[in-house]
Amino acid sequence: MKTYSLDEVQDDLLRKQGTPERDKFEYELQVEVELPHTNLSFG
């Protein structure tokens, strides 16, 4: 059974770092991680 590193899987699924697709994913992930740590209420 072949194993893959996290970097290999991310490059395959999300493209290489620095591409628009990867940058968009990493930005959205950062927003999702940081949003619960803010004191904003939406409702």
N, C-alpha and C. Protein backbone atom coordinates (compact mmCIF):
# COMPACT_ATOMS: atom_id res chain seq x y z
N MET A 1 0.85 -1.18 0.00
CA MET A 1 0.00 0.00 0.00
C MET A 1 0.89 1.24 0.00
N LYS A 2 0.66 2.15 -0.94
CA LYS A 2 1.45 3.36 -1.04
C LYS A 2 0.91 4.41 -0.07
N THR A 3 1.80 5.10 0.58
CA THR A 3 1.40 6.18 1.47
C THR A 3 1.80 7.51 0.84
N TYR A 4 1.08 8.54 1.21
CA TYR A 4 1.32 9.88 0.67
C TYR A 4 1.48 10.85 1.83
N SER A 5 2.33 11.82 1.64
CA SER A 5 2.47 12.86 2.66
C SER A 5 1.30 13.84 2.53
N LEU A 6 1.07 14.61 3.58
CA LEU A 6 0.02 15.62 3.53
C LEU A 6 0.28 16.62 2.41
N ASP A 7 1.52 17.01 2.23
CA ASP A 7 1.86 17.95 1.15
C ASP A 7 1.52 17.37 -0.22
N GLU A 8 1.80 16.08 -0.43
CA GLU A 8 1.48 15.45 -1.71
C GLU A 8 -0.02 15.43 -1.96
N VAL A 9 -0.80 15.12 -0.94
CA VAL A 9 -2.26 15.08 -1.09
C VAL A 9 -2.80 16.47 -1.35
N GLN A 10 -2.33 17.46 -0.61
CA GLN A 10 -2.79 18.83 -0.83
C GLN A 10 -2.43 19.31 -2.22
N ASP A 11 -1.21 19.02 -2.68
CA ASP A 11 -0.80 19.43 -4.02
C ASP A 11 -1.68 18.77 -5.08
N ASP A 12 -2.04 17.51 -4.86
CA ASP A 12 -2.86 16.79 -5.83
C ASP A 12 -4.30 17.31 -5.84
N LEU A 13 -4.87 17.53 -4.67
CA LEU A 13 -6.27 17.95 -4.58
C LEU A 13 -6.46 19.45 -4.74
N LEU A 14 -5.52 20.23 -4.22
CA LEU A 14 -5.71 21.69 -4.16
C LEU A 14 -4.75 22.46 -5.06
N ARG A 15 -3.93 21.77 -5.79
CA ARG A 15 -2.89 22.34 -6.65
C ARG A 15 -1.70 22.79 -5.79
N LYS A 16 -0.65 23.17 -6.46
CA LYS A 16 0.58 23.58 -5.78
C LYS A 16 0.38 24.91 -5.05
N GLN A 17 1.20 25.14 -4.02
CA GLN A 17 1.13 26.41 -3.30
C GLN A 17 1.44 27.54 -4.27
N GLY A 18 0.73 28.65 -4.10
CA GLY A 18 0.92 29.81 -4.96
C GLY A 18 -0.05 29.89 -6.12
N THR A 19 -0.84 28.84 -6.35
CA THR A 19 -1.84 28.90 -7.42
C THR A 19 -3.11 29.53 -6.86
N PRO A 20 -3.92 30.13 -7.71
CA PRO A 20 -5.14 30.79 -7.23
C PRO A 20 -6.06 29.84 -6.45
N GLU A 21 -6.19 28.60 -6.91
CA GLU A 21 -7.06 27.65 -6.22
C GLU A 21 -6.57 27.37 -4.81
N ARG A 22 -5.28 27.16 -4.67
CA ARG A 22 -4.69 26.85 -3.36
C ARG A 22 -4.76 28.07 -2.45
N ASP A 23 -4.46 29.25 -2.99
CA ASP A 23 -4.52 30.47 -2.19
C ASP A 23 -5.94 30.71 -1.67
N LYS A 24 -6.94 30.48 -2.52
CA LYS A 24 -8.34 30.65 -2.10
C LYS A 24 -8.68 29.67 -0.98
N PHE A 25 -8.30 28.41 -1.14
CA PHE A 25 -8.57 27.41 -0.12
C PHE A 25 -7.92 27.79 1.21
N GLU A 26 -6.64 28.18 1.16
CA GLU A 26 -5.93 28.51 2.39
C GLU A 26 -6.51 29.75 3.07
N TYR A 27 -6.96 30.73 2.27
CA TYR A 27 -7.59 31.92 2.84
C TYR A 27 -8.91 31.56 3.52
N GLU A 28 -9.74 30.77 2.84
CA GLU A 28 -11.03 30.37 3.41
C GLU A 28 -10.84 29.52 4.66
N LEU A 29 -9.85 28.67 4.67
CA LEU A 29 -9.55 27.86 5.84
C LEU A 29 -9.13 28.75 7.01
N GLN A 30 -8.29 29.74 6.74
CA GLN A 30 -7.85 30.65 7.78
C GLN A 30 -9.03 31.42 8.37
N VAL A 31 -9.95 31.86 7.52
CA VAL A 31 -11.15 32.58 7.99
C VAL A 31 -11.99 31.66 8.87
N GLU A 32 -12.19 30.43 8.45
CA GLU A 32 -12.99 29.47 9.23
C GLU A 32 -12.37 29.19 10.59
N VAL A 33 -11.06 29.13 10.65
CA VAL A 33 -10.38 28.83 11.91
C VAL A 33 -10.42 30.04 12.84
N GLU A 34 -10.26 31.24 12.28
CA GLU A 34 -10.19 32.43 13.11
C GLU A 34 -11.55 32.99 13.50
N LEU A 35 -12.59 32.78 12.71
CA LEU A 35 -13.89 33.35 12.98
C LEU A 35 -14.44 32.98 14.35
N PRO A 36 -14.37 31.72 14.80
CA PRO A 36 -14.90 31.40 16.13
C PRO A 36 -14.14 32.10 17.26
N HIS A 37 -12.95 32.60 16.99
CA HIS A 37 -12.15 33.26 18.02
C HIS A 37 -12.41 34.76 18.10
N THR A 38 -13.31 35.25 17.27
CA THR A 38 -13.67 36.66 17.33
C THR A 38 -14.91 36.81 18.21
N ASN A 39 -15.20 37.99 18.64
CA ASN A 39 -16.36 38.25 19.49
C ASN A 39 -17.52 38.84 18.69
N LEU A 40 -17.61 38.45 17.43
CA LEU A 40 -18.69 38.95 16.57
C LEU A 40 -19.93 38.08 16.73
N SER A 41 -21.07 38.71 16.72
CA SER A 41 -22.31 37.93 16.75
C SER A 41 -23.11 38.29 15.49
N PHE A 42 -23.62 37.30 14.84
CA PHE A 42 -24.37 37.50 13.61
C PHE A 42 -25.82 37.11 13.82
N GLY A 43 -26.56 37.89 14.50
CA GLY A 43 -27.95 37.52 14.64
C GLY A 43 -28.52 38.17 15.78
